[in-house]
Amino acid sequence: MYQVIALYGEYEPWWFFDDWKDDIVSQNDYATFQEASRAYQQIYSELEMQYPYKETKKSYLTAFWNETEIRYCEDCEDDIQLFHSIMLLKDDRPFEVFQPTASK
């Protein structure tokens, strides 16, 4: 089973802190990678048009942001960047497409 999850919060999706699920704004399950990949790409395209900055790690963990979406952190007495993130997971774990290295 594959999951496509959208998050909104102060951490990029690759950190997987204990409370990362508190930032979930939507989650959909898919039987095949192809279905999940299409859903991920659709959300990715929408966010890419809205936010000037993005970073992807492990193939399917992407954070989008702009410099104006921040939250004040009283504990650290500073502004914290907020991220709109998406992830494609397989069985609730990060999923990477295997890409063989070119032979010499």
PDB file of N, CA and C in Angstrom:
ATOM      1  N   MET A   1       0.846  -1.178   0.000  1.00  0.00           N
ATOM      2  CA  MET A   1       0.000   0.000   0.000  1.00  0.00           C
ATOM      3  C   MET A   1       0.892   1.243   0.000  1.00  0.00           C
ATOM      4  N   TYR A   2       0.510   2.211  -0.805  1.00  0.00           N
ATOM      5  CA  TYR A   2       1.244   3.472  -0.923  1.00  0.00           C
ATOM      6  C   TYR A   2       0.403   4.601  -0.331  1.00  0.00           C
ATOM      7  N   GLN A   3       1.081   5.564   0.272  1.00  0.00           N
ATOM      8  CA  GLN A   3       0.403   6.714   0.849  1.00  0.00           C
ATOM      9  C   GLN A   3       0.995   7.990   0.264  1.00  0.00           C
ATOM     10  N   VAL A   4       0.119   8.935  -0.079  1.00  0.00           N
ATOM     11  CA  VAL A   4       0.543  10.284  -0.453  1.00  0.00           C
ATOM     12  C   VAL A   4      -0.004  11.194   0.641  1.00  0.00           C
ATOM     13  N   ILE A   5       0.929  11.882   1.296  1.00  0.00           N
ATOM     14  CA  ILE A   5       0.580  12.682   2.474  1.00  0.00           C
ATOM     15  C   ILE A   5       1.029  14.118   2.261  1.00  0.00           C
ATOM     16  N   ALA A   6       0.145  15.056   2.584  1.00  0.00           N
ATOM     17  CA  ALA A   6       0.472  16.480   2.563  1.00  0.00           C
ATOM     18  C   ALA A   6       0.576  16.952   4.012  1.00  0.00           C
ATOM     19  N   LEU A   7       1.577  17.790   4.264  1.00  0.00           N
ATOM     20  CA  LEU A   7       1.821  18.310   5.608  1.00  0.00           C
ATOM     21  C   LEU A   7       1.971  19.821   5.573  1.00  0.00           C
ATOM     22  N   TYR A   8       1.735  20.439   6.707  1.00  0.00           N
ATOM     23  CA  TYR A   8       1.998  21.865   6.859  1.00  0.00           C
ATOM     24  C   TYR A   8       2.556  22.076   8.253  1.00  0.00           C
ATOM     25  N   GLY A   9       3.789  22.584   8.322  1.00  0.00           N
ATOM     26  CA  GLY A   9       4.383  22.790   9.632  1.00  0.00           C
ATOM     27  C   GLY A   9       5.792  23.331   9.532  1.00  0.00           C
ATOM     28  N   GLU A  10       6.490  23.288  10.649  1.00  0.00           N
ATOM     29  CA  GLU A  10       7.795  23.933  10.730  1.00  0.00           C
ATOM     30  C   GLU A  10       8.968  23.014  10.404  1.00  0.00           C
ATOM     31  N   TYR A  11       8.719  21.794   9.991  1.00  0.00           N
ATOM     32  CA  TYR A  11       9.813  20.888   9.654  1.00  0.00           C
ATOM     33  C   TYR A  11       9.637  20.323   8.247  1.00  0.00           C
ATOM     34  N   GLU A  12      10.749  20.119   7.561  1.00  0.00           N
ATOM     35  CA  GLU A  12      10.724  19.467   6.270  1.00  0.00           C
ATOM     36  C   GLU A  12      10.337  18.002   6.485  1.00  0.00           C
ATOM     37  N   PRO A  13       9.755  17.363   5.471  1.00  0.00           N
ATOM     38  CA  PRO A  13       9.187  16.020   5.689  1.00  0.00           C
ATOM     39  C   PRO A  13      10.206  14.917   5.959  1.00  0.00           C
ATOM     40  N   TRP A  14      11.457  15.117   5.645  1.00  0.00           N
ATOM     41  CA  TRP A  14      12.436  14.044   5.820  1.00  0.00           C
ATOM     42  C   TRP A  14      12.909  13.870   7.247  1.00  0.00           C
ATOM     43  N   TRP A  15      12.503  14.741   8.158  1.00  0.00           N
ATOM     44  CA  TRP A  15      12.969  14.607   9.543  1.00  0.00           C
ATOM     45  C   TRP A  15      12.242  13.519  10.310  1.00  0.00           C
ATOM     46  N   PHE A  16      10.979  13.301  10.054  1.00  0.00           N
ATOM     47  CA  PHE A  16      10.195  12.261  10.727  1.00  0.00           C
ATOM     48  C   PHE A  16      10.344  12.299  12.251  1.00  0.00           C
ATOM     49  N   PHE A  17      10.195  13.505  12.823  1.00  0.00           N
ATOM     50  CA  PHE A  17      10.191  13.611  14.277  1.00  0.00           C
ATOM     51  C   PHE A  17       8.991  12.850  14.830  1.00  0.00           C
ATOM     52  N   ASP A  18       9.023  12.538  16.128  1.00  0.00           N
ATOM     53  CA  ASP A  18       7.966  11.718  16.734  1.00  0.00           C
ATOM     54  C   ASP A  18       6.561  12.248  16.470  1.00  0.00           C
ATOM     55  N   ASP A  19       6.414  13.554  16.425  1.00  0.00           N
ATOM     56  CA  ASP A  19       5.078  14.142  16.260  1.00  0.00           C
ATOM     57  C   ASP A  19       4.787  14.605  14.829  1.00  0.00           C
ATOM     58  N   TRP A  20       5.507  14.067  13.832  1.00  0.00           N
ATOM     59  CA  TRP A  20       5.346  14.535  12.456  1.00  0.00           C
ATOM     60  C   TRP A  20       3.918  14.360  11.951  1.00  0.00           C
ATOM     61  N   LYS A  21       3.222  13.345  12.436  1.00  0.00           N
ATOM     62  CA  LYS A  21       1.847  13.100  11.967  1.00  0.00           C
ATOM     63  C   LYS A  21       0.878  14.194  12.405  1.00  0.00           C
ATOM     64  N   ASP A  22       1.256  14.984  13.403  1.00  0.00           N
ATOM     65  CA  ASP A  22       0.409  16.109  13.828  1.00  0.00           C
ATOM     66  C   ASP A  22       0.291  17.164  12.734  1.00  0.00           C
ATOM     67  N   ASP A  23       1.226  17.188  11.793  1.00  0.00           N
ATOM     68  CA  ASP A  23       1.232  18.188  10.720  1.00  0.00           C
ATOM     69  C   ASP A  23       0.506  17.733   9.456  1.00  0.00           C
ATOM     70  N   ILE A  24      -0.084  16.538   9.464  1.00  0.00           N
ATOM     71  CA  ILE A  24      -0.779  16.027   8.274  1.00  0.00           C
ATOM     72  C   ILE A  24      -2.034  16.846   8.010  1.00  0.00           C
ATOM     73  N   VAL A  25      -2.168  17.299   6.761  1.00  0.00           N
ATOM     74  CA  VAL A  25      -3.389  17.995   6.347  1.00  0.00           C
ATOM     75  C   VAL A  25      -4.226  17.130   5.416  1.00  0.00           C
ATOM     76  N   SER A  26      -3.605  16.144   4.763  1.00  0.00           N
ATOM     77  CA  SER A  26      -4.374  15.173   3.975  1.00  0.00           C
ATOM     78  C   SER A  26      -3.532  13.923   3.769  1.00  0.00           C
ATOM     79  N   GLN A  27      -4.248  12.804   3.613  1.00  0.00           N
ATOM     80  CA  GLN A  27      -3.583  11.532   3.356  1.00  0.00           C
ATOM     81  C   GLN A  27      -4.498  10.676   2.499  1.00  0.00           C
ATOM     82  N   ASN A  28      -3.933  10.097   1.448  1.00  0.00           N
ATOM     83  CA  ASN A  28      -4.685   9.194   0.583  1.00  0.00           C
ATOM     84  C   ASN A  28      -3.864   7.936   0.355  1.00  0.00           C
ATOM     85  N   ASP A  29      -4.551   6.797   0.325  1.00  0.00           N
ATOM     86  CA  ASP A  29      -3.904   5.514   0.114  1.00  0.00           C
ATOM     87  C   ASP A  29      -4.157   5.028  -1.308  1.00  0.00           C
ATOM     88  N   TYR A  30      -3.157   4.344  -1.870  1.00  0.00           N
ATOM     89  CA  TYR A  30      -3.227   3.836  -3.241  1.00  0.00           C
ATOM     90  C   TYR A  30      -2.693   2.419  -3.286  1.00  0.00           C
ATOM     91  N   ALA A  31      -3.290   1.609  -4.134  1.00  0.00           N
ATOM     92  CA  ALA A  31      -2.880   0.213  -4.261  1.00  0.00           C
ATOM     93  C   ALA A  31      -1.596   0.052  -5.065  1.00  0.00           C
ATOM     94  N   THR A  32      -1.363   0.956  -6.012  1.00  0.00           N
ATOM     95  CA  THR A  32      -0.186   0.806  -6.866  1.00  0.00           C
ATOM     96  C   THR A  32       0.698   2.043  -6.803  1.00  0.00           C
ATOM     97  N   PHE A  33       1.968   1.832  -7.143  1.00  0.00           N
ATOM     98  CA  PHE A  33       2.899   2.948  -7.199  1.00  0.00           C
ATOM     99  C   PHE A  33       2.476   3.956  -8.265  1.00  0.00           C
ATOM    100  N   GLN A  34       1.988   3.482  -9.387  1.00  0.00           N
ATOM    101  CA  GLN A  34       1.593   4.372 -10.479  1.00  0.00           C
ATOM    102  C   GLN A  34       0.487   5.331 -10.040  1.00  0.00           C
ATOM    103  N   GLU A  35      -0.511   4.829  -9.333  1.00  0.00           N
ATOM    104  CA  GLU A  35      -1.588   5.695  -8.841  1.00  0.00           C
ATOM    105  C   GLU A  35      -1.041   6.718  -7.845  1.00  0.00           C
ATOM    106  N   ALA A  36      -0.214   6.262  -6.924  1.00  0.00           N
ATOM    107  CA  ALA A  36       0.352   7.148  -5.911  1.00  0.00           C
ATOM    108  C   ALA A  36       1.258   8.194  -6.555  1.00  0.00           C
ATOM    109  N   SER A  37       2.051   7.773  -7.518  1.00  0.00           N
ATOM    110  CA  SER A  37       2.959   8.697  -8.195  1.00  0.00           C
ATOM    111  C   SER A  37       2.183   9.786  -8.938  1.00  0.00           C
ATOM    112  N   ARG A  38       1.100   9.423  -9.599  1.00  0.00           N
ATOM    113  CA  ARG A  38       0.269  10.430 -10.283  1.00  0.00           C
ATOM    114  C   ARG A  38      -0.298  11.440  -9.295  1.00  0.00           C
ATOM    115  N   ALA A  39      -0.789  10.951  -8.159  1.00  0.00           N
ATOM    116  CA  ALA A  39      -1.346  11.841  -7.132  1.00  0.00           C
ATOM    117  C   ALA A  39      -0.260  12.753  -6.575  1.00  0.00           C
ATOM    118  N   TYR A  40       0.906  12.193  -6.297  1.00  0.00           N
ATOM    119  CA  TYR A  40       2.030  12.976  -5.790  1.00  0.00           C
ATOM    120  C   TYR A  40       2.404  14.065  -6.797  1.00  0.00           C
ATOM    121  N   GLN A  41       2.529  13.701  -8.065  1.00  0.00           N
ATOM    122  CA  GLN A  41       2.918  14.658  -9.104  1.00  0.00           C
ATOM    123  C   GLN A  41       1.884  15.772  -9.266  1.00  0.00           C
ATOM    124  N   GLN A  42       0.623  15.452  -9.105  1.00  0.00           N
ATOM    125  CA  GLN A  42      -0.424  16.474  -9.210  1.00  0.00           C
ATOM    126  C   GLN A  42      -0.277  17.503  -8.091  1.00  0.00           C
ATOM    127  N   ILE A  43      -0.119  17.038  -6.868  1.00  0.00           N
ATOM    128  CA  ILE A  43       0.054  17.951  -5.735  1.00  0.00           C
ATOM    129  C   ILE A  43       1.356  18.722  -5.885  1.00  0.00           C
ATOM    130  N   TYR A  44       2.411  18.041  -6.296  1.00  0.00           N
ATOM    131  CA  TYR A  44       3.718  18.669  -6.516  1.00  0.00           C
ATOM    132  C   TYR A  44       3.572  19.829  -7.498  1.00  0.00           C
ATOM    133  N   SER A  45       2.908  19.599  -8.613  1.00  0.00           N
ATOM    134  CA  SER A  45       2.729  20.649  -9.630  1.00  0.00           C
ATOM    135  C   SER A  45       1.961  21.842  -9.081  1.00  0.00           C
ATOM    136  N   GLU A  46       0.922  21.580  -8.301  1.00  0.00           N
ATOM    137  CA  GLU A  46       0.132  22.663  -7.713  1.00  0.00           C
ATOM    138  C   GLU A  46       0.976  23.495  -6.756  1.00  0.00           C
ATOM    139  N   LEU A  47       1.738  22.824  -5.884  1.00  0.00           N
ATOM    140  CA  LEU A  47       2.563  23.547  -4.919  1.00  0.00           C
ATOM    141  C   LEU A  47       3.710  24.279  -5.604  1.00  0.00           C
ATOM    142  N   GLU A  48       4.264  23.677  -6.650  1.00  0.00           N
ATOM    143  CA  GLU A  48       5.375  24.296  -7.367  1.00  0.00           C
ATOM    144  C   GLU A  48       4.960  25.628  -8.000  1.00  0.00           C
ATOM    145  N   MET A  49       3.702  25.727  -8.414  1.00  0.00           N
ATOM    146  CA  MET A  49       3.211  26.981  -8.997  1.00  0.00           C
ATOM    147  C   MET A  49       2.984  28.058  -7.928  1.00  0.00           C
ATOM    148  N   GLN A  50       2.772  27.644  -6.684  1.00  0.00           N
ATOM    149  CA  GLN A  50       2.459  28.587  -5.618  1.00  0.00           C
ATOM    150  C   GLN A  50       3.662  29.051  -4.810  1.00  0.00           C
ATOM    151  N   TYR A  51       4.715  28.240  -4.755  1.00  0.00           N
ATOM    152  CA  TYR A  51       5.835  28.535  -3.856  1.00  0.00           C
ATOM    153  C   TYR A  51       7.150  28.594  -4.630  1.00  0.00           C
ATOM    154  N   PRO A  52       7.950  29.641  -4.385  1.00  0.00           N
ATOM    155  CA  PRO A  52       9.178  29.820  -5.161  1.00  0.00           C
ATOM    156  C   PRO A  52      10.331  28.890  -4.767  1.00  0.00           C
ATOM    157  N   TYR A  53      10.266  28.316  -3.582  1.00  0.00           N
ATOM    158  CA  TYR A  53      11.364  27.482  -3.106  1.00  0.00           C
ATOM    159  C   TYR A  53      10.886  26.050  -2.883  1.00  0.00           C
ATOM    160  N   LYS A  54      11.787  25.112  -3.200  1.00  0.00           N
ATOM    161  CA  LYS A  54      11.462  23.704  -2.949  1.00  0.00           C
ATOM    162  C   LYS A  54      12.744  22.915  -2.785  1.00  0.00           C
ATOM    163  N   GLU A  55      12.637  21.821  -2.045  1.00  0.00           N
ATOM    164  CA  GLU A  55      13.750  20.893  -1.906  1.00  0.00           C
ATOM    165  C   GLU A  55      13.173  19.489  -1.776  1.00  0.00           C
ATOM    166  N   THR A  56      13.787  18.548  -2.494  1.00  0.00           N
ATOM    167  CA  THR A  56      13.359  17.152  -2.467  1.00  0.00           C
ATOM    168  C   THR A  56      14.504  16.289  -1.980  1.00  0.00           C
ATOM    169  N   LYS A  57      14.153  15.349  -1.118  1.00  0.00           N
ATOM    170  CA  LYS A  57      15.131  14.360  -0.659  1.00  0.00           C
ATOM    171  C   LYS A  57      14.493  12.986  -0.776  1.00  0.00           C
ATOM    172  N   LYS A  58      15.325  11.991  -0.967  1.00  0.00           N
ATOM    173  CA  LYS A  58      14.880  10.601  -1.068  1.00  0.00           C
ATOM    174  C   LYS A  58      13.767  10.429  -2.097  1.00  0.00           C
ATOM    175  N   SER A  59      13.877  11.101  -3.199  1.00  0.00           N
ATOM    176  CA  SER A  59      12.963  10.985  -4.335  1.00  0.00           C
ATOM    177  C   SER A  59      11.555  11.533  -4.091  1.00  0.00           C
ATOM    178  N   TYR A  60      10.916  11.195  -3.007  1.00  0.00           N
ATOM    179  CA  TYR A  60       9.508  11.557  -2.836  1.00  0.00           C
ATOM    180  C   TYR A  60       9.194  12.238  -1.507  1.00  0.00           C
ATOM    181  N   LEU A  61      10.115  13.027  -1.002  1.00  0.00           N
ATOM    182  CA  LEU A  61       9.873  13.851   0.184  1.00  0.00           C
ATOM    183  C   LEU A  61      10.231  15.275  -0.221  1.00  0.00           C
ATOM    184  N   THR A  62       9.219  16.118  -0.410  1.00  0.00           N
ATOM    185  CA  THR A  62       9.467  17.465  -0.919  1.00  0.00           C
ATOM    186  C   THR A  62       8.835  18.514  -0.024  1.00  0.00           C
ATOM    187  N   ALA A  63       9.601  19.567   0.238  1.00  0.00           N
ATOM    188  CA  ALA A  63       9.122  20.725   1.003  1.00  0.00           C
ATOM    189  C   ALA A  63       9.081  21.932   0.074  1.00  0.00           C
ATOM    190  N   PHE A  64       8.020  22.716   0.175  1.00  0.00           N
ATOM    191  CA  PHE A  64       7.842  23.964  -0.568  1.00  0.00           C
ATOM    192  C   PHE A  64       7.664  25.084   0.449  1.00  0.00           C
ATOM    193  N   TRP A  65       8.163  26.289   0.109  1.00  0.00           N
ATOM    194  CA  TRP A  65       7.993  27.401   1.030  1.00  0.00           C
ATOM    195  C   TRP A  65       8.219  28.729   0.321  1.00  0.00           C
ATOM    196  N   ASN A  66       7.801  29.772   1.022  1.00  0.00           N
ATOM    197  CA  ASN A  66       8.169  31.134   0.644  1.00  0.00           C
ATOM    198  C   ASN A  66       8.648  31.804   1.930  1.00  0.00           C
ATOM    199  N   GLU A  67       9.309  32.907   1.793  1.00  0.00           N
ATOM    200  CA  GLU A  67       9.930  33.535   2.964  1.00  0.00           C
ATOM    201  C   GLU A  67       8.945  34.272   3.864  1.00  0.00           C
ATOM    202  N   THR A  68       7.708  34.406   3.436  1.00  0.00           N
ATOM    203  CA  THR A  68       6.746  35.161   4.244  1.00  0.00           C
ATOM    204  C   THR A  68       5.912  34.288   5.172  1.00  0.00           C
ATOM    205  N   GLU A  69       5.875  32.981   4.949  1.00  0.00           N
ATOM    206  CA  GLU A  69       5.109  32.093   5.831  1.00  0.00           C
ATOM    207  C   GLU A  69       5.989  31.649   6.981  1.00  0.00           C
ATOM    208  N   ILE A  70       5.840  32.349   8.089  1.00  0.00           N
ATOM    209  CA  ILE A  70       6.648  32.074   9.274  1.00  0.00           C
ATOM    210  C   ILE A  70       5.746  32.044  10.499  1.00  0.00           C
ATOM    211  N   ARG A  71       6.264  31.482  11.565  1.00  0.00           N
ATOM    212  CA  ARG A  71       5.557  31.437  12.848  1.00  0.00           C
ATOM    213  C   ARG A  71       6.561  31.852  13.909  1.00  0.00           C
ATOM    214  N   TYR A  72       6.109  32.683  14.830  1.00  0.00           N
ATOM    215  CA  TYR A  72       7.010  33.102  15.908  1.00  0.00           C
ATOM    216  C   TYR A  72       7.105  31.996  16.946  1.00  0.00           C
ATOM    217  N   CYS A  73       8.317  31.650  17.319  1.00  0.00           N
ATOM    218  CA  CYS A  73       8.582  30.628  18.325  1.00  0.00           C
ATOM    219  C   CYS A  73       8.971  31.336  19.623  1.00  0.00           C
ATOM    220  N   GLU A  74       8.112  31.233  20.614  1.00  0.00           N
ATOM    221  CA  GLU A  74       8.396  31.892  21.885  1.00  0.00           C
ATOM    222  C   GLU A  74       9.590  31.260  22.594  1.00  0.00           C
ATOM    223  N   ASP A  75       9.718  29.942  22.526  1.00  0.00           N
ATOM    224  CA  ASP A  75      10.828  29.257  23.200  1.00  0.00           C
ATOM    225  C   ASP A  75      12.181  29.676  22.635  1.00  0.00           C
ATOM    226  N   CYS A  76      12.258  29.840  21.312  1.00  0.00           N
ATOM    227  CA  CYS A  76      13.546  30.206  20.710  1.00  0.00           C
ATOM    228  C   CYS A  76      13.640  31.705  20.410  1.00  0.00           C
ATOM    229  N   GLU A  77      12.565  32.427  20.673  1.00  0.00           N
ATOM    230  CA  GLU A  77      12.512  33.879  20.473  1.00  0.00           C
ATOM    231  C   GLU A  77      12.946  34.289  19.071  1.00  0.00           C
ATOM    232  N   ASP A  78      12.382  33.579  18.093  1.00  0.00           N
ATOM    233  CA  ASP A  78      12.726  33.859  16.702  1.00  0.00           C
ATOM    234  C   ASP A  78      11.599  33.352  15.796  1.00  0.00           C
ATOM    235  N   ASP A  79      11.611  33.809  14.564  1.00  0.00           N
ATOM    236  CA  ASP A  79      10.651  33.332  13.579  1.00  0.00           C
ATOM    237  C   ASP A  79      11.119  31.999  13.014  1.00  0.00           C
ATOM    238  N   ILE A  80      10.166  31.120  12.743  1.00  0.00           N
ATOM    239  CA  ILE A  80      10.456  29.803  12.184  1.00  0.00           C
ATOM    240  C   ILE A  80       9.758  29.690  10.842  1.00  0.00           C
ATOM    241  N   GLN A  81      10.488  29.198   9.857  1.00  0.00           N
ATOM    242  CA  GLN A  81       9.933  28.982   8.528  1.00  0.00           C
ATOM    243  C   GLN A  81       8.881  27.883   8.572  1.00  0.00           C
ATOM    244  N   LEU A  82       7.780  28.066   7.833  1.00  0.00           N
ATOM    245  CA  LEU A  82       6.753  27.032   7.704  1.00  0.00           C
ATOM    246  C   LEU A  82       6.841  26.418   6.309  1.00  0.00           C
ATOM    247  N   PHE A  83       6.555  25.120   6.226  1.00  0.00           N
ATOM    248  CA  PHE A  83       6.688  24.375   4.984  1.00  0.00           C
ATOM    249  C   PHE A  83       5.390  23.682   4.606  1.00  0.00           C
ATOM    250  N   HIS A  84       5.093  23.685   3.322  1.00  0.00           N
ATOM    251  CA  HIS A  84       4.048  22.858   2.741  1.00  0.00           C
ATOM    252  C   HIS A  84       4.802  21.678   2.148  1.00  0.00           C
ATOM    253  N   SER A  85       4.509  20.488   2.616  1.00  0.00           N
ATOM    254  CA  SER A  85       5.299  19.328   2.196  1.00  0.00           C
ATOM    255  C   SER A  85       4.406  18.215   1.682  1.00  0.00           C
ATOM    256  N   ILE A  86       4.998  17.396   0.812  1.00  0.00           N
ATOM    257  CA  ILE A  86       4.318  16.184   0.359  1.00  0.00           C
ATOM    258  C   ILE A  86       5.306  15.034   0.427  1.00  0.00           C
ATOM    259  N   MET A  87       4.743  13.854   0.620  1.00  0.00           N
ATOM    260  CA  MET A  87       5.568  12.658   0.665  1.00  0.00           C
ATOM    261  C   MET A  87       4.805  11.487   0.063  1.00  0.00           C
ATOM    262  N   LEU A  88       5.559  10.612  -0.557  1.00  0.00           N
ATOM    263  CA  LEU A  88       5.006   9.359  -1.050  1.00  0.00           C
ATOM    264  C   LEU A  88       5.684   8.265  -0.247  1.00  0.00           C
ATOM    265  N   LEU A  89       4.888   7.505   0.478  1.00  0.00           N
ATOM    266  CA  LEU A  89       5.409   6.445   1.331  1.00  0.00           C
ATOM    267  C   LEU A  89       4.914   5.093   0.833  1.00  0.00           C
ATOM    268  N   LYS A  90       5.658   4.064   1.142  1.00  0.00           N
ATOM    269  CA  LYS A  90       5.203   2.700   0.898  1.00  0.00           C
ATOM    270  C   LYS A  90       5.129   2.011   2.245  1.00  0.00           C
ATOM    271  N   ASP A  91       3.931   1.552   2.584  1.00  0.00           N
ATOM    272  CA  ASP A  91       3.713   0.903   3.883  1.00  0.00           C
ATOM    273  C   ASP A  91       4.223   1.778   5.019  1.00  0.00           C
ATOM    274  N   ASP A  92       3.896   3.066   4.943  1.00  0.00           N
ATOM    275  CA  ASP A  92       4.221   4.058   5.976  1.00  0.00           C
ATOM    276  C   ASP A  92       5.723   4.309   6.154  1.00  0.00           C
ATOM    277  N   ARG A  93       6.512   4.012   5.134  1.00  0.00           N
ATOM    278  CA  ARG A  93       7.956   4.253   5.185  1.00  0.00           C
ATOM    279  C   ARG A  93       8.389   5.013   3.934  1.00  0.00           C
ATOM    280  N   PRO A  94       9.451   5.805   4.023  1.00  0.00           N
ATOM    281  CA  PRO A  94       9.930   6.530   2.838  1.00  0.00           C
ATOM    282  C   PRO A  94      10.202   5.575   1.684  1.00  0.00           C
ATOM    283  N   PHE A  95       9.868   6.045   0.493  1.00  0.00           N
ATOM    284  CA  PHE A  95       9.991   5.230  -0.706  1.00  0.00           C
ATOM    285  C   PHE A  95      10.962   5.878  -1.665  1.00  0.00           C
ATOM    286  N   GLU A  96      11.935   5.107  -2.158  1.00  0.00           N
ATOM    287  CA  GLU A  96      12.883   5.601  -3.146  1.00  0.00           C
ATOM    288  C   GLU A  96      12.857   4.679  -4.353  1.00  0.00           C
ATOM    289  N   VAL A  97      12.929   5.281  -5.501  1.00  0.00           N
ATOM    290  CA  VAL A  97      13.022   4.513  -6.723  1.00  0.00           C
ATOM    291  C   VAL A  97      14.466   4.111  -6.904  1.00  0.00           C
ATOM    292  N   PHE A  98      14.711   2.855  -7.137  1.00  0.00           N
ATOM    293  CA  PHE A  98      16.068   2.366  -7.351  1.00  0.00           C
ATOM    294  C   PHE A  98      16.537   2.820  -8.727  1.00  0.00           C
ATOM    295  N   GLN A  99      17.688   3.456  -8.747  1.00  0.00           N
ATOM    296  CA  GLN A  99      18.267   3.898 -10.007  1.00  0.00           C
ATOM    297  C   GLN A  99      19.679   3.322 -10.091  1.00  0.00           C
ATOM    298  N   PRO A 100      19.883   2.344 -10.963  1.00  0.00           N
ATOM    299  CA  PRO A 100      21.213   1.738 -11.045  1.00  0.00           C
ATOM    300  C   PRO A 100      22.244   2.735 -11.533  1.00  0.00           C
ATOM    301  N   THR A 101      23.461   2.552 -11.080  1.00  0.00           N
ATOM    302  CA  THR A 101      24.543   3.423 -11.523  1.00  0.00           C
ATOM    303  C   THR A 101      25.032   2.961 -12.891  1.00  0.00           C
ATOM    304  N   ALA A 102      25.505   3.884 -13.656  1.00  0.00           N
ATOM    305  CA  ALA A 102      26.009   3.558 -14.990  1.00  0.00           C
ATOM    306  C   ALA A 102      27.311   2.777 -14.870  1.00  0.00           C
ATOM    307  N   SER A 103      27.459   1.765 -15.686  1.00  0.00           N
ATOM    308  CA  SER A 103      28.706   0.999 -15.649  1.00  0.00           C
ATOM    309  C   SER A 103      29.760   1.675 -16.508  1.00  0.00           C
ATOM    310  N   LYS A 104      31.005   1.461 -16.156  1.00  0.00           N
ATOM    311  CA  LYS A 104      32.114   2.096 -16.867  1.00  0.00           C
ATOM    312  C   LYS A 104      32.630   1.221 -17.980  1.00  0.00           C
TER     313      LYS A 104
END
